[in-house]
């Protein structure tokens, strides 16, 4: 089947799932049969569907969510091994982005092999200062923050303060906001917004990063309720585009499609 047709099947099928016109199991059947797929555009669409299903399951059924994550790992682990972590000169630019999508999804599903490798790369970066490949940097930072506790969080915060490169700073802020510790999220938002350590145009990265997990979504809802007046004043009113973006992201909580 041509690439465009494969993409269209996946994209249209999940749209039907979201509309209630098709069962999620149909999408999962397609996912299981695309284990050998290696095109980024197809996996981007698959990963989006996986993310939405995982988000719903995290709210309604813990045991089923674990089974779903195991299914995702069994489906994607082989691809993760095939594409590896090393970026090569002259390869298609989408190959590097595919690595980030696949390893990021495996990390969120709790794949030990992926997490261990990402943590190893993060540790090497902290101690050697050797730059990480831009395509994988956010994935590695995020894995460290989600799985490395307060120690990794503090290390990445120090990188943010000292790196002096806006692209890396944005990756740091997005990754830091994906911590699974509400206390660290509270500390981060005070540091970034109230203390002014994050550029105003990058505030939305905080809200986006936190919105990808249940812990972050619940924190965002509480944070917006408690700080609505302050944020409206800081962003120039509730009608400002930045305030509206942050507000919309803070409301991403799904118990159904």
C-alpha atoms as a PDB file:
ATOM      1  CA  UNK A   1       0.000   0.000   0.000  1.00  0.00           C
ATOM      2  CA  UNK A   2       1.431   3.443  -0.903  1.00  0.00           C
ATOM      3  CA  UNK A   3       2.599   5.711   1.908  1.00  0.00           C
ATOM      4  CA  UNK A   4      -0.173   8.257   1.421  1.00  0.00           C
ATOM      5  CA  UNK A   5      -2.807   5.520   1.619  1.00  0.00           C
ATOM      6  CA  UNK A   6      -1.300   4.078   4.808  1.00  0.00           C
ATOM      7  CA  UNK A   7      -1.336   7.509   6.395  1.00  0.00           C
ATOM      8  CA  UNK A   8      -4.907   8.159   5.273  1.00  0.00           C
ATOM      9  CA  UNK A   9      -6.167   4.846   6.668  1.00  0.00           C
ATOM     10  CA  UNK A  10      -4.653   5.530  10.085  1.00  0.00           C
ATOM     11  CA  UNK A  11      -5.701   9.174  10.184  1.00  0.00           C
ATOM     12  CA  UNK A  12      -9.274   8.577   9.026  1.00  0.00           C
ATOM     13  CA  UNK A  13      -9.764   5.536  11.238  1.00  0.00           C
ATOM     14  CA  UNK A  14      -8.801   7.362  14.406  1.00  0.00           C
ATOM     15  CA  UNK A  15     -11.033  10.273  13.431  1.00  0.00           C
ATOM     16  CA  UNK A  16     -13.890   7.754  13.297  1.00  0.00           C
ATOM     17  CA  UNK A  17     -12.864   6.396  16.709  1.00  0.00           C
ATOM     18  CA  UNK A  18     -12.944   9.910  18.174  1.00  0.00           C
ATOM     19  CA  UNK A  19     -16.368  10.492  16.634  1.00  0.00           C
ATOM     20  CA  UNK A  20     -17.720   7.251  18.096  1.00  0.00           C
ATOM     21  CA  UNK A  21     -18.206   5.705  14.648  1.00  0.00           C
ATOM     22  CA  UNK A  22     -15.515   3.032  15.063  1.00  0.00           C
ATOM     23  CA  UNK A  23     -14.169   1.019  17.987  1.00  0.00           C
ATOM     24  CA  UNK A  24     -10.777   1.789  19.480  1.00  0.00           C
ATOM     25  CA  UNK A  25      -9.986  -1.910  19.021  1.00  0.00           C
ATOM     26  CA  UNK A  26     -10.065  -1.337  15.249  1.00  0.00           C
ATOM     27  CA  UNK A  27      -7.347   1.275  15.588  1.00  0.00           C
ATOM     28  CA  UNK A  28      -5.314  -1.057  17.813  1.00  0.00           C
ATOM     29  CA  UNK A  29      -5.629  -3.837  15.227  1.00  0.00           C
ATOM     30  CA  UNK A  30      -4.168  -1.529  12.597  1.00  0.00           C
ATOM     31  CA  UNK A  31      -1.415  -0.541  15.029  1.00  0.00           C
ATOM     32  CA  UNK A  32      -0.538  -4.190  15.633  1.00  0.00           C
ATOM     33  CA  UNK A  33      -0.276  -4.790  11.893  1.00  0.00           C
ATOM     34  CA  UNK A  34       2.027  -1.835  11.292  1.00  0.00           C
ATOM     35  CA  UNK A  35       4.926  -3.051  13.416  1.00  0.00           C
ATOM     36  CA  UNK A  36       7.202  -2.970  10.368  1.00  0.00           C
ATOM     37  CA  UNK A  37       6.172   0.541   9.344  1.00  0.00           C
ATOM     38  CA  UNK A  38       9.129   2.946   9.341  1.00  0.00           C
ATOM     39  CA  UNK A  39       7.698   6.150   7.888  1.00  0.00           C
ATOM     40  CA  UNK A  40       7.513   9.110  10.232  1.00  0.00           C
ATOM     41  CA  UNK A  41       4.259  10.516   8.848  1.00  0.00           C
ATOM     42  CA  UNK A  42       2.422   7.267   9.626  1.00  0.00           C
ATOM     43  CA  UNK A  43       3.915   6.898  13.094  1.00  0.00           C
ATOM     44  CA  UNK A  44       3.157  10.500  13.946  1.00  0.00           C
ATOM     45  CA  UNK A  45      -0.514   9.726  13.369  1.00  0.00           C
ATOM     46  CA  UNK A  46      -0.329   6.399  15.224  1.00  0.00           C
ATOM     47  CA  UNK A  47       1.430   8.034  18.172  1.00  0.00           C
ATOM     48  CA  UNK A  48      -1.271  10.701  18.375  1.00  0.00           C
ATOM     49  CA  UNK A  49      -3.946   8.018  18.608  1.00  0.00           C
ATOM     50  CA  UNK A  50      -1.960   6.091  21.208  1.00  0.00           C
ATOM     51  CA  UNK A  51      -1.589   9.270  23.276  1.00  0.00           C
ATOM     52  CA  UNK A  52      -5.323   9.990  23.248  1.00  0.00           C
ATOM     53  CA  UNK A  53      -6.260   6.427  24.205  1.00  0.00           C
ATOM     54  CA  UNK A  54      -3.644   6.331  26.972  1.00  0.00           C
ATOM     55  CA  UNK A  55      -4.955   9.604  28.368  1.00  0.00           C
ATOM     56  CA  UNK A  56      -8.502   8.273  28.582  1.00  0.00           C
ATOM     57  CA  UNK A  57      -7.420   4.986  30.169  1.00  0.00           C
ATOM     58  CA  UNK A  58      -5.357   6.778  32.812  1.00  0.00           C
ATOM     59  CA  UNK A  59      -8.593   8.319  34.103  1.00  0.00           C
ATOM     60  CA  UNK A  60     -10.955   5.366  33.958  1.00  0.00           C
ATOM     61  CA  UNK A  61      -9.080   2.123  34.568  1.00  0.00           C
ATOM     62  CA  UNK A  62      -5.568   1.639  35.974  1.00  0.00           C
ATOM     63  CA  UNK A  63      -5.206  -2.108  35.215  1.00  0.00           C
ATOM     64  CA  UNK A  64      -6.417  -1.672  31.638  1.00  0.00           C
ATOM     65  CA  UNK A  65      -3.999   1.242  31.201  1.00  0.00           C
ATOM     66  CA  UNK A  66      -1.138  -1.053  32.222  1.00  0.00           C
ATOM     67  CA  UNK A  67      -2.262  -3.694  29.744  1.00  0.00           C
ATOM     68  CA  UNK A  68      -2.511  -1.039  27.050  1.00  0.00           C
ATOM     69  CA  UNK A  69       1.026   0.157  27.771  1.00  0.00           C
ATOM     70  CA  UNK A  70       2.271  -3.428  27.567  1.00  0.00           C
ATOM     71  CA  UNK A  71       0.575  -3.756  24.179  1.00  0.00           C
ATOM     72  CA  UNK A  72       2.213  -0.535  22.966  1.00  0.00           C
ATOM     73  CA  UNK A  73       5.623  -1.762  24.107  1.00  0.00           C
ATOM     74  CA  UNK A  74       5.197  -5.140  22.416  1.00  0.00           C
ATOM     75  CA  UNK A  75       4.166  -3.381  19.206  1.00  0.00           C
ATOM     76  CA  UNK A  76       6.830  -0.671  19.111  1.00  0.00           C
ATOM     77  CA  UNK A  77       9.878  -2.136  20.877  1.00  0.00           C
ATOM     78  CA  UNK A  78      11.108  -3.911  17.750  1.00  0.00           C
ATOM     79  CA  UNK A  79      10.991  -0.684  15.751  1.00  0.00           C
ATOM     80  CA  UNK A  80      12.789   1.118  18.547  1.00  0.00           C
ATOM     81  CA  UNK A  81      15.640  -1.383  18.376  1.00  0.00           C
ATOM     82  CA  UNK A  82      15.826  -1.210  14.573  1.00  0.00           C
ATOM     83  CA  UNK A  83      16.126   2.547  14.362  1.00  0.00           C
ATOM     84  CA  UNK A  84      18.362   2.774  17.443  1.00  0.00           C
ATOM     85  CA  UNK A  85      19.531   5.979  19.085  1.00  0.00           C
ATOM     86  CA  UNK A  86      22.397   6.962  16.789  1.00  0.00           C
ATOM     87  CA  UNK A  87      21.777   9.565  14.102  1.00  0.00           C
ATOM     88  CA  UNK A  88      23.866   9.156  10.968  1.00  0.00           C
ATOM     89  CA  UNK A  89      25.182  11.685   8.472  1.00  0.00           C
ATOM     90  CA  UNK A  90      23.219  11.793   5.262  1.00  0.00           C
ATOM     91  CA  UNK A  91      20.124   9.983   6.514  1.00  0.00           C
ATOM     92  CA  UNK A  92      16.643  11.292   5.786  1.00  0.00           C
ATOM     93  CA  UNK A  93      15.738  14.153   8.127  1.00  0.00           C
ATOM     94  CA  UNK A  94      12.476  12.427   9.055  1.00  0.00           C
ATOM     95  CA  UNK A  95      14.409   9.431  10.381  1.00  0.00           C
ATOM     96  CA  UNK A  96      15.643  11.466  13.314  1.00  0.00           C
ATOM     97  CA  UNK A  97      12.164  12.767  14.080  1.00  0.00           C
ATOM     98  CA  UNK A  98      10.856   9.187  13.895  1.00  0.00           C
ATOM     99  CA  UNK A  99      13.363   8.180  16.585  1.00  0.00           C
ATOM    100  CA  UNK A 100      12.047  10.886  18.875  1.00  0.00           C
ATOM    101  CA  UNK A 101       8.424   9.814  18.316  1.00  0.00           C
ATOM    102  CA  UNK A 102       9.081   6.098  18.829  1.00  0.00           C
ATOM    103  CA  UNK A 103      11.402   6.361  21.824  1.00  0.00           C
ATOM    104  CA  UNK A 104       9.222   9.033  23.403  1.00  0.00           C
ATOM    105  CA  UNK A 105       6.151   6.825  23.132  1.00  0.00           C
ATOM    106  CA  UNK A 106       8.015   3.775  24.473  1.00  0.00           C
ATOM    107  CA  UNK A 107       9.303   5.855  27.374  1.00  0.00           C
ATOM    108  CA  UNK A 108       5.791   7.020  28.272  1.00  0.00           C
ATOM    109  CA  UNK A 109       4.558   3.445  28.095  1.00  0.00           C
ATOM    110  CA  UNK A 110       7.171   2.491  30.693  1.00  0.00           C
ATOM    111  CA  UNK A 111       9.564   0.465  28.536  1.00  0.00           C
ATOM    112  CA  UNK A 112      12.532  -0.231  30.822  1.00  0.00           C
ATOM    113  CA  UNK A 113      15.006  -0.635  27.959  1.00  0.00           C
ATOM    114  CA  UNK A 114      14.143   2.780  26.541  1.00  0.00           C
ATOM    115  CA  UNK A 115      14.160   4.507  29.919  1.00  0.00           C
ATOM    116  CA  UNK A 116      17.527   3.034  30.897  1.00  0.00           C
ATOM    117  CA  UNK A 117      19.116   4.134  27.622  1.00  0.00           C
ATOM    118  CA  UNK A 118      17.689   7.647  27.862  1.00  0.00           C
ATOM    119  CA  UNK A 119      18.832   7.982  31.478  1.00  0.00           C
ATOM    120  CA  UNK A 120      22.317   6.820  30.472  1.00  0.00           C
ATOM    121  CA  UNK A 121      22.484   9.407  27.687  1.00  0.00           C
ATOM    122  CA  UNK A 122      21.287  12.121  30.068  1.00  0.00           C
ATOM    123  CA  UNK A 123      23.897  11.190  32.663  1.00  0.00           C
ATOM    124  CA  UNK A 124      26.611  11.271  30.011  1.00  0.00           C
ATOM    125  CA  UNK A 125      25.416  14.696  28.875  1.00  0.00           C
ATOM    126  CA  UNK A 126      25.446  16.078  32.425  1.00  0.00           C
ATOM    127  CA  UNK A 127      28.972  14.876  33.134  1.00  0.00           C
ATOM    128  CA  UNK A 128      30.670  15.222  29.743  1.00  0.00           C
ATOM    129  CA  UNK A 129      28.777  18.229  28.330  1.00  0.00           C
ATOM    130  CA  UNK A 130      28.787  16.506  24.937  1.00  0.00           C
ATOM    131  CA  UNK A 131      25.793  17.879  23.030  1.00  0.00           C
ATOM    132  CA  UNK A 132      22.801  15.648  22.394  1.00  0.00           C
ATOM    133  CA  UNK A 133      21.348  15.329  18.915  1.00  0.00           C
ATOM    134  CA  UNK A 134      18.603  17.986  18.583  1.00  0.00           C
ATOM    135  CA  UNK A 135      16.015  15.420  17.437  1.00  0.00           C
ATOM    136  CA  UNK A 136      16.466  13.344  20.604  1.00  0.00           C
ATOM    137  CA  UNK A 137      17.250  16.040  23.153  1.00  0.00           C
ATOM    138  CA  UNK A 138      13.690  16.639  24.348  1.00  0.00           C
ATOM    139  CA  UNK A 139      12.943  12.910  24.535  1.00  0.00           C
ATOM    140  CA  UNK A 140      16.054  12.320  26.667  1.00  0.00           C
ATOM    141  CA  UNK A 141      15.402  15.307  28.932  1.00  0.00           C
ATOM    142  CA  UNK A 142      11.785  14.246  29.418  1.00  0.00           C
ATOM    143  CA  UNK A 143      12.725  10.676  30.287  1.00  0.00           C
ATOM    144  CA  UNK A 144      15.197  11.945  32.873  1.00  0.00           C
ATOM    145  CA  UNK A 145      12.650  14.227  34.542  1.00  0.00           C
ATOM    146  CA  UNK A 146       9.839  11.659  34.534  1.00  0.00           C
ATOM    147  CA  UNK A 147      11.998   8.860  35.916  1.00  0.00           C
ATOM    148  CA  UNK A 148      14.931  10.487  37.706  1.00  0.00           C
ATOM    149  CA  UNK A 149      13.116  12.159  40.583  1.00  0.00           C
ATOM    150  CA  UNK A 150      14.155  15.441  42.182  1.00  0.00           C
ATOM    151  CA  UNK A 151      17.837  14.851  41.419  1.00  0.00           C
ATOM    152  CA  UNK A 152      17.336  14.777  37.643  1.00  0.00           C
ATOM    153  CA  UNK A 153      14.859  17.662  37.901  1.00  0.00           C
ATOM    154  CA  UNK A 154      17.443  19.818  39.678  1.00  0.00           C
ATOM    155  CA  UNK A 155      20.168  18.853  37.204  1.00  0.00           C
ATOM    156  CA  UNK A 156      17.997  19.870  34.259  1.00  0.00           C
ATOM    157  CA  UNK A 157      17.026  23.115  35.969  1.00  0.00           C
ATOM    158  CA  UNK A 158      20.734  23.905  36.343  1.00  0.00           C
ATOM    159  CA  UNK A 159      21.244  23.151  32.641  1.00  0.00           C
ATOM    160  CA  UNK A 160      18.409  25.552  31.839  1.00  0.00           C
ATOM    161  CA  UNK A 161      20.069  28.299  33.860  1.00  0.00           C
ATOM    162  CA  UNK A 162      23.541  27.851  32.380  1.00  0.00           C
ATOM    163  CA  UNK A 163      23.205  26.626  28.782  1.00  0.00           C
ATOM    164  CA  UNK A 164      22.583  30.019  27.162  1.00  0.00           C
ATOM    165  CA  UNK A 165      20.985  28.557  24.024  1.00  0.00           C
ATOM    166  CA  UNK A 166      17.247  29.284  23.515  1.00  0.00           C
ATOM    167  CA  UNK A 167      16.434  26.004  21.752  1.00  0.00           C
ATOM    168  CA  UNK A 168      17.913  23.948  24.593  1.00  0.00           C
ATOM    169  CA  UNK A 169      16.246  26.205  27.163  1.00  0.00           C
ATOM    170  CA  UNK A 170      12.862  25.550  25.552  1.00  0.00           C
ATOM    171  CA  UNK A 171      13.529  21.802  25.605  1.00  0.00           C
ATOM    172  CA  UNK A 172      14.462  22.058  29.285  1.00  0.00           C
ATOM    173  CA  UNK A 173      11.293  23.935  30.199  1.00  0.00           C
ATOM    174  CA  UNK A 174       9.054  21.536  28.257  1.00  0.00           C
ATOM    175  CA  UNK A 175      10.721  18.528  29.877  1.00  0.00           C
ATOM    176  CA  UNK A 176      10.730  19.971  33.398  1.00  0.00           C
ATOM    177  CA  UNK A 177       6.972  20.484  33.247  1.00  0.00           C
ATOM    178  CA  UNK A 178       6.499  16.760  32.606  1.00  0.00           C
ATOM    179  CA  UNK A 179       7.667  15.731  36.075  1.00  0.00           C
ATOM    180  CA  UNK A 180       5.247  13.377  37.797  1.00  0.00           C
ATOM    181  CA  UNK A 181       5.733  15.055  41.184  1.00  0.00           C
ATOM    182  CA  UNK A 182       3.083  17.731  41.933  1.00  0.00           C
ATOM    183  CA  UNK A 183       5.419  19.422  44.424  1.00  0.00           C
ATOM    184  CA  UNK A 184       8.061  19.841  41.730  1.00  0.00           C
ATOM    185  CA  UNK A 185       5.441  21.182  39.333  1.00  0.00           C
ATOM    186  CA  UNK A 186       4.426  23.766  41.929  1.00  0.00           C
ATOM    187  CA  UNK A 187       8.067  24.719  42.385  1.00  0.00           C
ATOM    188  CA  UNK A 188       8.622  24.956  38.629  1.00  0.00           C
ATOM    189  CA  UNK A 189       5.628  27.171  37.894  1.00  0.00           C
ATOM    190  CA  UNK A 190       6.577  29.568  40.699  1.00  0.00           C
ATOM    191  CA  UNK A 191      10.162  29.643  39.439  1.00  0.00           C
ATOM    192  CA  UNK A 192       9.197  30.144  35.797  1.00  0.00           C
ATOM    193  CA  UNK A 193       6.168  32.449  36.028  1.00  0.00           C
ATOM    194  CA  UNK A 194       5.984  34.185  39.415  1.00  0.00           C
ATOM    195  CA  UNK A 195       9.788  34.539  39.735  1.00  0.00           C
ATOM    196  CA  UNK A 196      10.137  35.443  36.057  1.00  0.00           C
ATOM    197  CA  UNK A 197      12.821  32.886  35.179  1.00  0.00           C
ATOM    198  CA  UNK A 198      11.100  31.871  31.929  1.00  0.00           C
ATOM    199  CA  UNK A 199      10.535  34.178  28.950  1.00  0.00           C
ATOM    200  CA  UNK A 200       6.824  35.105  28.639  1.00  0.00           C
ATOM    201  CA  UNK A 201       6.643  33.694  25.105  1.00  0.00           C
ATOM    202  CA  UNK A 202       7.791  30.317  26.470  1.00  0.00           C
ATOM    203  CA  UNK A 203       5.173  30.085  29.239  1.00  0.00           C
ATOM    204  CA  UNK A 204       2.902  28.046  26.998  1.00  0.00           C
ATOM    205  CA  UNK A 205       5.594  25.326  26.937  1.00  0.00           C
ATOM    206  CA  UNK A 206       5.046  24.856  30.673  1.00  0.00           C
ATOM    207  CA  UNK A 207       1.340  24.326  30.162  1.00  0.00           C
ATOM    208  CA  UNK A 208       1.855  22.067  27.153  1.00  0.00           C
ATOM    209  CA  UNK A 209       4.407  19.862  28.914  1.00  0.00           C
ATOM    210  CA  UNK A 210       2.276  19.436  32.023  1.00  0.00           C
ATOM    211  CA  UNK A 211      -0.836  18.661  29.962  1.00  0.00           C
ATOM    212  CA  UNK A 212       0.465  15.337  28.609  1.00  0.00           C
ATOM    213  CA  UNK A 213      -0.052  13.375  31.844  1.00  0.00           C
ATOM    214  CA  UNK A 214      -2.828  12.987  34.383  1.00  0.00           C
ATOM    215  CA  UNK A 215      -0.625  14.362  37.163  1.00  0.00           C
ATOM    216  CA  UNK A 216       0.104  17.457  35.124  1.00  0.00           C
ATOM    217  CA  UNK A 217      -3.488  17.922  33.982  1.00  0.00           C
ATOM    218  CA  UNK A 218      -4.797  17.827  37.540  1.00  0.00           C
ATOM    219  CA  UNK A 219      -2.087  20.253  38.629  1.00  0.00           C
ATOM    220  CA  UNK A 220      -2.883  22.664  35.778  1.00  0.00           C
ATOM    221  CA  UNK A 221      -6.577  22.755  36.593  1.00  0.00           C
ATOM    222  CA  UNK A 222      -5.858  23.607  40.221  1.00  0.00           C
ATOM    223  CA  UNK A 223      -3.137  26.083  39.270  1.00  0.00           C
ATOM    224  CA  UNK A 224      -5.393  27.985  36.869  1.00  0.00           C
ATOM    225  CA  UNK A 225      -8.186  28.184  39.458  1.00  0.00           C
ATOM    226  CA  UNK A 226      -5.843  29.522  42.126  1.00  0.00           C
ATOM    227  CA  UNK A 227      -3.945  31.965  39.902  1.00  0.00           C
ATOM    228  CA  UNK A 228      -6.536  33.102  37.352  1.00  0.00           C
ATOM    229  CA  UNK A 229      -6.419  36.763  38.392  1.00  0.00           C
ATOM    230  CA  UNK A 230      -2.627  36.893  38.506  1.00  0.00           C
ATOM    231  CA  UNK A 231      -2.242  35.199  35.123  1.00  0.00           C
ATOM    232  CA  UNK A 232      -4.857  37.404  33.470  1.00  0.00           C
ATOM    233  CA  UNK A 233      -3.026  40.496  34.699  1.00  0.00           C
ATOM    234  CA  UNK A 234       0.394  39.136  33.722  1.00  0.00           C
ATOM    235  CA  UNK A 235      -0.662  38.110  30.216  1.00  0.00           C
ATOM    236  CA  UNK A 236      -2.590  41.321  29.537  1.00  0.00           C
ATOM    237  CA  UNK A 237      -6.151  40.178  30.187  1.00  0.00           C
ATOM    238  CA  UNK A 238      -8.205  37.062  29.568  1.00  0.00           C
ATOM    239  CA  UNK A 239      -8.588  38.021  25.910  1.00  0.00           C
ATOM    240  CA  UNK A 240      -4.858  37.856  25.162  1.00  0.00           C
ATOM    241  CA  UNK A 241      -3.803  35.059  22.829  1.00  0.00           C
ATOM    242  CA  UNK A 242      -1.177  33.753  25.273  1.00  0.00           C
ATOM    243  CA  UNK A 243      -3.677  33.546  28.140  1.00  0.00           C
ATOM    244  CA  UNK A 244      -6.201  31.745  25.936  1.00  0.00           C
ATOM    245  CA  UNK A 245      -3.590  29.219  24.755  1.00  0.00           C
ATOM    246  CA  UNK A 246      -2.516  28.453  28.327  1.00  0.00           C
ATOM    247  CA  UNK A 247      -6.143  28.216  29.478  1.00  0.00           C
ATOM    248  CA  UNK A 248      -7.098  25.828  26.670  1.00  0.00           C
ATOM    249  CA  UNK A 249      -4.113  23.588  27.361  1.00  0.00           C
ATOM    250  CA  UNK A 250      -4.887  23.558  31.093  1.00  0.00           C
ATOM    251  CA  UNK A 251      -8.321  22.052  30.363  1.00  0.00           C
ATOM    252  CA  UNK A 252      -7.051  18.942  28.545  1.00  0.00           C
ATOM    253  CA  UNK A 253      -8.608  16.265  30.739  1.00  0.00           C
ATOM    254  CA  UNK A 254     -10.332  13.399  28.963  1.00  0.00           C
ATOM    255  CA  UNK A 255     -12.428  10.595  30.323  1.00  0.00           C
ATOM    256  CA  UNK A 256     -13.830   9.891  26.876  1.00  0.00           C
ATOM    257  CA  UNK A 257     -13.109  10.817  23.252  1.00  0.00           C
END
